[in-house]
Amino acid sequence: MFTEINYFYTSLKDWQKAMMFSFISYSIILFGLIVAITFILKDFKFLLVLGLSFVYMGTVIVMMFILIRIFKKRLIER
């Protein structure tokens, strides 16, 4: 299993690795926001968390697609 993960990681380009780590970082930030909101409200409100996750991850994914297009265009031109 580790060889498959290692092969996947080594087959990525540098900008793809950066995008992957950025996505993981943004997911950790979302988790922190959910934990903070849950402690502030002293209750887990599913619809609030669902809405926050949908908007946050939707924005992150749209921005990632924009960055992918920019990176591909700029890196191909060089």
PDB file of N, CA and C in Angstrom:
ATOM      1  N   MET A   1       0.822  -1.194   0.000  1.00  0.00           N
ATOM      2  CA  MET A   1       0.000   0.000   0.000  1.00  0.00           C
ATOM      3  C   MET A   1       0.869   1.263   0.000  1.00  0.00           C
ATOM      4  N   PHE A   2       1.938   1.231   0.794  1.00  0.00           N
ATOM      5  CA  PHE A   2       2.796   2.410   0.842  1.00  0.00           C
ATOM      6  C   PHE A   2       3.516   2.643  -0.476  1.00  0.00           C
ATOM      7  N   THR A   3       3.787   1.581  -1.212  1.00  0.00           N
ATOM      8  CA  THR A   3       4.431   1.759  -2.511  1.00  0.00           C
ATOM      9  C   THR A   3       3.485   2.439  -3.493  1.00  0.00           C
ATOM     10  N   GLU A   4       2.182   2.137  -3.390  1.00  0.00           N
ATOM     11  CA  GLU A   4       1.208   2.796  -4.261  1.00  0.00           C
ATOM     12  C   GLU A   4       1.094   4.276  -3.925  1.00  0.00           C
ATOM     13  N   ILE A   5       1.093   4.589  -2.633  1.00  0.00           N
ATOM     14  CA  ILE A   5       1.035   5.995  -2.215  1.00  0.00           C
ATOM     15  C   ILE A   5       2.303   6.718  -2.657  1.00  0.00           C
ATOM     16  N   ASN A   6       3.442   6.080  -2.484  1.00  0.00           N
ATOM     17  CA  ASN A   6       4.708   6.674  -2.895  1.00  0.00           C
ATOM     18  C   ASN A   6       4.743   6.893  -4.402  1.00  0.00           C
ATOM     19  N   TYR A   7       4.255   5.919  -5.175  1.00  0.00           N
ATOM     20  CA  TYR A   7       4.217   6.068  -6.630  1.00  0.00           C
ATOM     21  C   TYR A   7       3.304   7.225  -7.027  1.00  0.00           C
ATOM     22  N   PHE A   8       2.134   7.322  -6.380  1.00  0.00           N
ATOM     23  CA  PHE A   8       1.208   8.411  -6.677  1.00  0.00           C
ATOM     24  C   PHE A   8       1.851   9.760  -6.375  1.00  0.00           C
ATOM     25  N   TYR A   9       2.517   9.854  -5.228  1.00  0.00           N
ATOM     26  CA  TYR A   9       3.125  11.119  -4.825  1.00  0.00           C
ATOM     27  C   TYR A   9       4.276  11.508  -5.750  1.00  0.00           C
ATOM     28  N   THR A  10       5.097  10.550  -6.123  1.00  0.00           N
ATOM     29  CA  THR A  10       6.241  10.881  -6.979  1.00  0.00           C
ATOM     30  C   THR A  10       5.823  11.169  -8.418  1.00  0.00           C
ATOM     31  N   SER A  11       4.646  10.699  -8.825  1.00  0.00           N
ATOM     32  CA  SER A  11       4.198  10.965 -10.194  1.00  0.00           C
ATOM     33  C   SER A  11       3.590  12.359 -10.347  1.00  0.00           C
ATOM     34  N   LEU A  12       3.313  13.033  -9.233  1.00  0.00           N
ATOM     35  CA  LEU A  12       2.740  14.375  -9.307  1.00  0.00           C
ATOM     36  C   LEU A  12       3.817  15.405  -9.626  1.00  0.00           C
ATOM     37  N   LYS A  13       3.409  16.452 -10.330  1.00  0.00           N
ATOM     38  CA  LYS A  13       4.309  17.572 -10.591  1.00  0.00           C
ATOM     39  C   LYS A  13       4.347  18.449  -9.341  1.00  0.00           C
ATOM     40  N   ASP A  14       5.321  19.348  -9.283  1.00  0.00           N
ATOM     41  CA  ASP A  14       5.477  20.184  -8.090  1.00  0.00           C
ATOM     42  C   ASP A  14       4.246  21.041  -7.823  1.00  0.00           C
ATOM     43  N   TRP A  15       3.661  21.624  -8.868  1.00  0.00           N
ATOM     44  CA  TRP A  15       2.502  22.477  -8.644  1.00  0.00           C
ATOM     45  C   TRP A  15       1.289  21.649  -8.227  1.00  0.00           C
ATOM     46  N   GLN A  16       1.220  20.388  -8.659  1.00  0.00           N
ATOM     47  CA  GLN A  16       0.119  19.525  -8.233  1.00  0.00           C
ATOM     48  C   GLN A  16       0.275  19.138  -6.764  1.00  0.00           C
ATOM     49  N   LYS A  17       1.505  18.926  -6.328  1.00  0.00           N
ATOM     50  CA  LYS A  17       1.750  18.651  -4.912  1.00  0.00           C
ATOM     51  C   LYS A  17       1.356  19.855  -4.066  1.00  0.00           C
ATOM     52  N   ALA A  18       1.687  21.046  -4.544  1.00  0.00           N
ATOM     53  CA  ALA A  18       1.325  22.259  -3.815  1.00  0.00           C
ATOM     54  C   ALA A  18      -0.190  22.406  -3.716  1.00  0.00           C
ATOM     55  N   MET A  19      -0.893  22.097  -4.794  1.00  0.00           N
ATOM     56  CA  MET A  19      -2.360  22.171  -4.774  1.00  0.00           C
ATOM     57  C   MET A  19      -2.942  21.144  -3.806  1.00  0.00           C
ATOM     58  N   MET A  20      -2.371  19.948  -3.770  1.00  0.00           N
ATOM     59  CA  MET A  20      -2.861  18.906  -2.870  1.00  0.00           C
ATOM     60  C   MET A  20      -2.670  19.329  -1.412  1.00  0.00           C
ATOM     61  N   PHE A  21      -1.500  19.848  -1.079  1.00  0.00           N
ATOM     62  CA  PHE A  21      -1.258  20.283   0.288  1.00  0.00           C
ATOM     63  C   PHE A  21      -2.124  21.488   0.651  1.00  0.00           C
ATOM     64  N   SER A  22      -2.388  22.366  -0.303  1.00  0.00           N
ATOM     65  CA  SER A  22      -3.280  23.494  -0.041  1.00  0.00           C
ATOM     66  C   SER A  22      -4.687  23.010   0.262  1.00  0.00           C
ATOM     67  N   PHE A  23      -5.164  22.034  -0.513  1.00  0.00           N
ATOM     68  CA  PHE A  23      -6.504  21.500  -0.285  1.00  0.00           C
ATOM     69  C   PHE A  23      -6.603  20.852   1.093  1.00  0.00           C
ATOM     70  N   ILE A  24      -5.574  20.114   1.480  1.00  0.00           N
ATOM     71  CA  ILE A  24      -5.566  19.496   2.810  1.00  0.00           C
ATOM     72  C   ILE A  24      -5.550  20.571   3.890  1.00  0.00           C
ATOM     73  N   SER A  25      -4.778  21.628   3.693  1.00  0.00           N
ATOM     74  CA  SER A  25      -4.719  22.719   4.667  1.00  0.00           C
ATOM     75  C   SER A  25      -6.066  23.413   4.803  1.00  0.00           C
ATOM     76  N   TYR A  26      -6.720  23.670   3.676  1.00  0.00           N
ATOM     77  CA  TYR A  26      -8.040  24.293   3.737  1.00  0.00           C
ATOM     78  C   TYR A  26      -9.058  23.384   4.412  1.00  0.00           C
ATOM     79  N   SER A  27      -8.928  22.079   4.253  1.00  0.00           N
ATOM     80  CA  SER A  27      -9.829  21.141   4.920  1.00  0.00           C
ATOM     81  C   SER A  27      -9.608  21.157   6.430  1.00  0.00           C
ATOM     82  N   ILE A  28      -8.359  21.288   6.862  1.00  0.00           N
ATOM     83  CA  ILE A  28      -8.059  21.370   8.293  1.00  0.00           C
ATOM     84  C   ILE A  28      -8.631  22.659   8.872  1.00  0.00           C
ATOM     85  N   ILE A  29      -8.546  23.752   8.130  1.00  0.00           N
ATOM     86  CA  ILE A  29      -9.136  25.017   8.579  1.00  0.00           C
ATOM     87  C   ILE A  29     -10.644  24.874   8.719  1.00  0.00           C
ATOM     88  N   LEU A  30     -11.284  24.202   7.774  1.00  0.00           N
ATOM     89  CA  LEU A  30     -12.727  23.968   7.861  1.00  0.00           C
ATOM     90  C   LEU A  30     -13.067  23.154   9.102  1.00  0.00           C
ATOM     91  N   PHE A  31     -12.289  22.134   9.394  1.00  0.00           N
ATOM     92  CA  PHE A  31     -12.518  21.335  10.597  1.00  0.00           C
ATOM     93  C   PHE A  31     -12.419  22.212  11.843  1.00  0.00           C
ATOM     94  N   GLY A  32     -11.413  23.076  11.891  1.00  0.00           N
ATOM     95  CA  GLY A  32     -11.270  23.996  13.024  1.00  0.00           C
ATOM     96  C   GLY A  32     -12.456  24.931  13.159  1.00  0.00           C
ATOM     97  N   LEU A  33     -12.962  25.430  12.031  1.00  0.00           N
ATOM     98  CA  LEU A  33     -14.149  26.288  12.070  1.00  0.00           C
ATOM     99  C   LEU A  33     -15.363  25.539  12.611  1.00  0.00           C
ATOM    100  N   ILE A  34     -15.538  24.304  12.181  1.00  0.00           N
ATOM    101  CA  ILE A  34     -16.673  23.509  12.653  1.00  0.00           C
ATOM    102  C   ILE A  34     -16.560  23.262  14.155  1.00  0.00           C
ATOM    103  N   VAL A  35     -15.368  22.932  14.628  1.00  0.00           N
ATOM    104  CA  VAL A  35     -15.167  22.711  16.064  1.00  0.00           C
ATOM    105  C   VAL A  35     -15.433  23.990  16.839  1.00  0.00           C
ATOM    106  N   ALA A  36     -14.913  25.121  16.356  1.00  0.00           N
ATOM    107  CA  ALA A  36     -15.115  26.395  17.048  1.00  0.00           C
ATOM    108  C   ALA A  36     -16.595  26.765  17.105  1.00  0.00           C
ATOM    109  N   ILE A  37     -17.299  26.615  15.998  1.00  0.00           N
ATOM    110  CA  ILE A  37     -18.729  26.942  15.974  1.00  0.00           C
ATOM    111  C   ILE A  37     -19.504  26.028  16.912  1.00  0.00           C
ATOM    112  N   THR A  38     -19.144  24.753  16.947  1.00  0.00           N
ATOM    113  CA  THR A  38     -19.829  23.812  17.833  1.00  0.00           C
ATOM    114  C   THR A  38     -19.615  24.189  19.295  1.00  0.00           C
ATOM    115  N   PHE A  39     -18.402  24.576  19.670  1.00  0.00           N
ATOM    116  CA  PHE A  39     -18.152  24.965  21.052  1.00  0.00           C
ATOM    117  C   PHE A  39     -18.796  26.302  21.390  1.00  0.00           C
ATOM    118  N   ILE A  40     -18.804  27.235  20.460  1.00  0.00           N
ATOM    119  CA  ILE A  40     -19.426  28.537  20.720  1.00  0.00           C
ATOM    120  C   ILE A  40     -20.925  28.392  20.915  1.00  0.00           C
ATOM    121  N   LEU A  41     -21.573  27.604  20.072  1.00  0.00           N
ATOM    122  CA  LEU A  41     -23.022  27.416  20.169  1.00  0.00           C
ATOM    123  C   LEU A  41     -23.407  26.363  21.204  1.00  0.00           C
ATOM    124  N   LYS A  42     -22.434  25.612  21.714  1.00  0.00           N
ATOM    125  CA  LYS A  42     -22.652  24.538  22.693  1.00  0.00           C
ATOM    126  C   LYS A  42     -23.627  23.484  22.195  1.00  0.00           C
ATOM    127  N   ASP A  43     -23.708  23.342  20.889  1.00  0.00           N
ATOM    128  CA  ASP A  43     -24.564  22.336  20.276  1.00  0.00           C
ATOM    129  C   ASP A  43     -24.116  22.162  18.827  1.00  0.00           C
ATOM    130  N   PHE A  44     -24.265  20.959  18.319  1.00  0.00           N
ATOM    131  CA  PHE A  44     -23.918  20.691  16.930  1.00  0.00           C
ATOM    132  C   PHE A  44     -25.154  20.916  16.078  1.00  0.00           C
ATOM    133  N   LYS A  45     -25.124  21.959  15.276  1.00  0.00           N
ATOM    134  CA  LYS A  45     -26.244  22.269  14.387  1.00  0.00           C
ATOM    135  C   LYS A  45     -25.875  21.778  12.988  1.00  0.00           C
ATOM    136  N   PHE A  46     -26.523  20.676  12.603  1.00  0.00           N
ATOM    137  CA  PHE A  46     -26.163  20.001  11.364  1.00  0.00           C
ATOM    138  C   PHE A  46     -26.361  20.896  10.146  1.00  0.00           C
ATOM    139  N   LEU A  47     -27.480  21.592  10.071  1.00  0.00           N
ATOM    140  CA  LEU A  47     -27.753  22.420   8.889  1.00  0.00           C
ATOM    141  C   LEU A  47     -26.762  23.576   8.771  1.00  0.00           C
ATOM    142  N   LEU A  48     -26.387  24.153   9.903  1.00  0.00           N
ATOM    143  CA  LEU A  48     -25.401  25.232   9.883  1.00  0.00           C
ATOM    144  C   LEU A  48     -24.043  24.715   9.398  1.00  0.00           C
ATOM    145  N   VAL A  49     -23.633  23.571   9.923  1.00  0.00           N
ATOM    146  CA  VAL A  49     -22.352  22.984   9.521  1.00  0.00           C
ATOM    147  C   VAL A  49     -22.400  22.552   8.060  1.00  0.00           C
ATOM    148  N   LEU A  50     -23.522  21.991   7.636  1.00  0.00           N
ATOM    149  CA  LEU A  50     -23.673  21.586   6.238  1.00  0.00           C
ATOM    150  C   LEU A  50     -23.575  22.798   5.310  1.00  0.00           C
ATOM    151  N   GLY A  51     -24.263  23.873   5.659  1.00  0.00           N
ATOM    152  CA  GLY A  51     -24.209  25.088   4.845  1.00  0.00           C
ATOM    153  C   GLY A  51     -22.816  25.687   4.799  1.00  0.00           C
ATOM    154  N   LEU A  52     -22.168  25.751   5.964  1.00  0.00           N
ATOM    155  CA  LEU A  52     -20.806  26.282   6.024  1.00  0.00           C
ATOM    156  C   LEU A  52     -19.857  25.429   5.188  1.00  0.00           C
ATOM    157  N   SER A  53     -19.959  24.119   5.325  1.00  0.00           N
ATOM    158  CA  SER A  53     -19.084  23.215   4.567  1.00  0.00           C
ATOM    159  C   SER A  53     -19.325  23.338   3.072  1.00  0.00           C
ATOM    160  N   PHE A  54     -20.588  23.422   2.678  1.00  0.00           N
ATOM    161  CA  PHE A  54     -20.924  23.533   1.257  1.00  0.00           C
ATOM    162  C   PHE A  54     -20.360  24.815   0.659  1.00  0.00           C
ATOM    163  N   VAL A  55     -20.574  25.929   1.334  1.00  0.00           N
ATOM    164  CA  VAL A  55     -20.093  27.218   0.816  1.00  0.00           C
ATOM    165  C   VAL A  55     -18.566  27.265   0.825  1.00  0.00           C
ATOM    166  N   TYR A  56     -17.965  26.853   1.932  1.00  0.00           N
ATOM    167  CA  TYR A  56     -16.508  26.913   2.073  1.00  0.00           C
ATOM    168  C   TYR A  56     -15.810  26.010   1.060  1.00  0.00           C
ATOM    169  N   MET A  57     -16.214  24.742   1.010  1.00  0.00           N
ATOM    170  CA  MET A  57     -15.556  23.807   0.093  1.00  0.00           C
ATOM    171  C   MET A  57     -15.898  24.126  -1.359  1.00  0.00           C
ATOM    172  N   GLY A  58     -17.094  24.620  -1.610  1.00  0.00           N
ATOM    173  CA  GLY A  58     -17.441  25.041  -2.963  1.00  0.00           C
ATOM    174  C   GLY A  58     -16.532  26.158  -3.440  1.00  0.00           C
ATOM    175  N   THR A  59     -16.303  27.133  -2.560  1.00  0.00           N
ATOM    176  CA  THR A  59     -15.407  28.236  -2.897  1.00  0.00           C
ATOM    177  C   THR A  59     -13.978  27.735  -3.108  1.00  0.00           C
ATOM    178  N   VAL A  60     -13.521  26.861  -2.219  1.00  0.00           N
ATOM    179  CA  VAL A  60     -12.161  26.324  -2.342  1.00  0.00           C
ATOM    180  C   VAL A  60     -12.000  25.551  -3.650  1.00  0.00           C
ATOM    181  N   ILE A  61     -12.973  24.718  -3.988  1.00  0.00           N
ATOM    182  CA  ILE A  61     -12.873  23.911  -5.209  1.00  0.00           C
ATOM    183  C   ILE A  61     -12.907  24.782  -6.458  1.00  0.00           C
ATOM    184  N   VAL A  62     -13.774  25.794  -6.471  1.00  0.00           N
ATOM    185  CA  VAL A  62     -13.819  26.707  -7.619  1.00  0.00           C
ATOM    186  C   VAL A  62     -12.485  27.436  -7.765  1.00  0.00           C
ATOM    187  N   MET A  63     -11.934  27.906  -6.653  1.00  0.00           N
ATOM    188  CA  MET A  63     -10.644  28.593  -6.716  1.00  0.00           C
ATOM    189  C   MET A  63      -9.525  27.639  -7.149  1.00  0.00           C
ATOM    190  N   MET A  64      -9.605  26.382  -6.726  1.00  0.00           N
ATOM    191  CA  MET A  64      -8.605  25.397  -7.155  1.00  0.00           C
ATOM    192  C   MET A  64      -8.672  25.173  -8.666  1.00  0.00           C
ATOM    193  N   PHE A  65      -9.885  25.075  -9.219  1.00  0.00           N
ATOM    194  CA  PHE A  65     -10.015  24.905 -10.671  1.00  0.00           C
ATOM    195  C   PHE A  65      -9.450  26.111 -11.422  1.00  0.00           C
ATOM    196  N   ILE A  66      -9.697  27.304 -10.897  1.00  0.00           N
ATOM    197  CA  ILE A  66      -9.140  28.509 -11.522  1.00  0.00           C
ATOM    198  C   ILE A  66      -7.610  28.468 -11.476  1.00  0.00           C
ATOM    199  N   LEU A  67      -7.064  28.092 -10.318  1.00  0.00           N
ATOM    200  CA  LEU A  67      -5.607  28.016 -10.193  1.00  0.00           C
ATOM    201  C   LEU A  67      -5.011  26.933 -11.083  1.00  0.00           C
ATOM    202  N   ILE A  68      -5.707  25.812 -11.226  1.00  0.00           N
ATOM    203  CA  ILE A  68      -5.217  24.749 -12.113  1.00  0.00           C
ATOM    204  C   ILE A  68      -5.116  25.258 -13.546  1.00  0.00           C
ATOM    205  N   ARG A  69      -6.146  25.976 -13.992  1.00  0.00           N
ATOM    206  CA  ARG A  69      -6.109  26.522 -15.357  1.00  0.00           C
ATOM    207  C   ARG A  69      -4.972  27.523 -15.514  1.00  0.00           C
ATOM    208  N   ILE A  70      -4.772  28.368 -14.500  1.00  0.00           N
ATOM    209  CA  ILE A  70      -3.691  29.352 -14.566  1.00  0.00           C
ATOM    210  C   ILE A  70      -2.334  28.653 -14.584  1.00  0.00           C
ATOM    211  N   PHE A  71      -2.146  27.676 -13.676  1.00  0.00           N
ATOM    212  CA  PHE A  71      -0.864  26.972 -13.620  1.00  0.00           C
ATOM    213  C   PHE A  71      -0.571  26.242 -14.920  1.00  0.00           C
ATOM    214  N   LYS A  72      -1.559  25.547 -15.466  1.00  0.00           N
ATOM    215  CA  LYS A  72      -1.329  24.810 -16.710  1.00  0.00           C
ATOM    216  C   LYS A  72      -0.963  25.761 -17.843  1.00  0.00           C
ATOM    217  N   LYS A  73      -1.687  26.880 -17.931  1.00  0.00           N
ATOM    218  CA  LYS A  73      -1.426  27.831 -19.009  1.00  0.00           C
ATOM    219  C   LYS A  73      -0.046  28.468 -18.848  1.00  0.00           C
ATOM    220  N   ARG A  74       0.298  28.874 -17.645  1.00  0.00           N
ATOM    221  CA  ARG A  74       1.581  29.536 -17.431  1.00  0.00           C
ATOM    222  C   ARG A  74       2.749  28.573 -17.553  1.00  0.00           C
ATOM    223  N   LEU A  75       2.573  27.348 -17.093  1.00  0.00           N
ATOM    224  CA  LEU A  75       3.687  26.400 -17.143  1.00  0.00           C
ATOM    225  C   LEU A  75       3.904  25.844 -18.539  1.00  0.00           C
ATOM    226  N   ILE A  76       2.850  25.784 -19.357  1.00  0.00           N
ATOM    227  CA  ILE A  76       3.001  25.308 -20.734  1.00  0.00           C
ATOM    228  C   ILE A  76       3.681  26.375 -21.590  1.00  0.00           C
ATOM    229  N   GLU A  77       3.414  27.654 -21.304  1.00  0.00           N
ATOM    230  CA  GLU A  77       4.002  28.734 -22.096  1.00  0.00           C
ATOM    231  C   GLU A  77       5.505  28.824 -21.907  1.00  0.00           C
ATOM    232  N   ARG A  78       6.027  28.367 -20.775  1.00  0.00           N
ATOM    233  CA  ARG A  78       7.469  28.486 -20.511  1.00  0.00           C
ATOM    234  C   ARG A  78       8.273  27.505 -21.279  1.00  0.00           C
TER     235      ARG A  78
END
